[in-house]
Amino acid sequence: MAKIQAIRGMNDILPEQTPVWQFVEATVRNLLRQYGYQEIRMPIVEQTDLFKRSIGEVTDIVEKEMYTFDDRNGDSLTLRPEGTAGCVRAAEEHGLLFNQTRRLWYTGPMFRHERPQKGRYRQFHQIGVECFGMTGPDIDAELLVLTARLWKALGLADHTRLEINTIGTSEARRAFRGALVDYLGQYRNELDADSQRRLETNPLRILDSKDAGTRRILAQAPSLDDYLDEESRVHFERVKALLDAAGVSYSVNPALVRGLDYYGKTVFEWITDSLGAQGTVCAGGRYDGLVEQLGGRPTPAVGFAMGLERLILLLETLELVPGHVNSNADVYVVAMGDDAVAQALSLAENLRSALPTRAVVSHCGGGSFKSQMKKADRSGARYAVILGDNELHNGTVALKPLRDNEDQRELPQGDIAAWLANALTD
């Protein structure tokens, strides 16, 4: 009988891989707590209409990429392709937005039926941040300052760059869209296939085209800047001033637009040049009209999302994963003989009580001293604590460093916890 394998593009994350995931997730979680953000958890399945109304029916996501099905009641349901719409739905449904501000974040799997490739999967994981009830440019700037701090914490500050733009109000974009369609219509047959299709459905996405021929045509296209409303222009100038004051470097990219219908005013992307074509590691912007669009009261909002697979790929490509992250143990307890095994289990428990932030692995399953030491080394532990007949007789343990050239030493059992606490401080 053939083995059942995972669905293409939906990957297992194995025990050897999860430590770096936990490291990144913990780094982000701690940073968001510093800024006063609260976690929210939403279901992975929503009514299909939620995404059609928020993302836009003529976007690639809704047209081609959503996992949509009818349940037993005949209701159309969709595996969430992104998190913002579900977060808005949850916050509005539970009364979190009325006359108050909110800083929320979430993490979890998203689903899109697109061609799997390096750093991009059909089930992928995002961390998203959404802020509600704040109209000013200061919250836009805070999100960018926050992400700049995250790159520093992960060692990525020199490997990411920020691009920002403003796409104005829906009225400004409508006027610009008309001018853009009129201009590009003259060159319809010279545009790449995706741009020809988008000319009828989502022409602003053509500005994102990477096709060389389309880029040449766009060089003489109308500029969104010429159609911007004054409020959006002032808002954007203030965002830039706040970033300048905070020391966050950026470049203005007039061609930067977000592919989802709900964005307006500030949009941004953090980009890396270290992953080839898969360059965006974090993206977002303002979506002041979305809450009202989904049935709530008018509520200003801004947020971003980052893909964890791509972020982790970047850390691994640049060899920036800290060495301790891939270790599943700090201390490995080795015991030889039945009497030593009983004593070792008790000693390991005492060490866990004395070292609550450290991983203490007690060897189980028997085996020779040599095989146990091999497993101790493979565990990534810095020290092996060894109990044998001599140690039991003397009330001591042997302590063997596994990651440097220090000599093995013998310590009284009562002193081992304090010694390890001091040695494992770094």
Foldseek 3Di string as FASTA:
>chain_A
DDDDDDDFQDDDQDPLRVLLVVVLVVLLVVLVVVVPAAEDDFDQKDQLVLCCLWQHCLFCQNPPWWDWDADPVRTIMTGAQDDPSRVLVVCQVVVVAPPDKHKYKYKDWHATPDDDDQLGGRIFMKIKIKIKFDDALPVVLVVVLSVCVSCVVLVNNVFKAKEKEFLADPVLVVVLLVQQLVQCVVVLVQDDPVCNSCSVRPNLCLLVDPDPSSVVSCVPGDFSVVSHDPVLVVRVVVNVVSCVVVVHDHHYDSSDDDRGPQAGRMWMFMFGPQPPPPTTFKIWHWRQCNSVSVPHDRMTMIMMMGTPSNVSVVCVSVVSRDPVSSAPFAEEEEEDDPVRLVVSVVLQVVLCVLCVVGHYHYDDDDDDPVVSVVVVLVNVHQWYWYDYPVCVVVQWIWIDGNPDDDDIDIDHSVCVNVVVCVVPPD
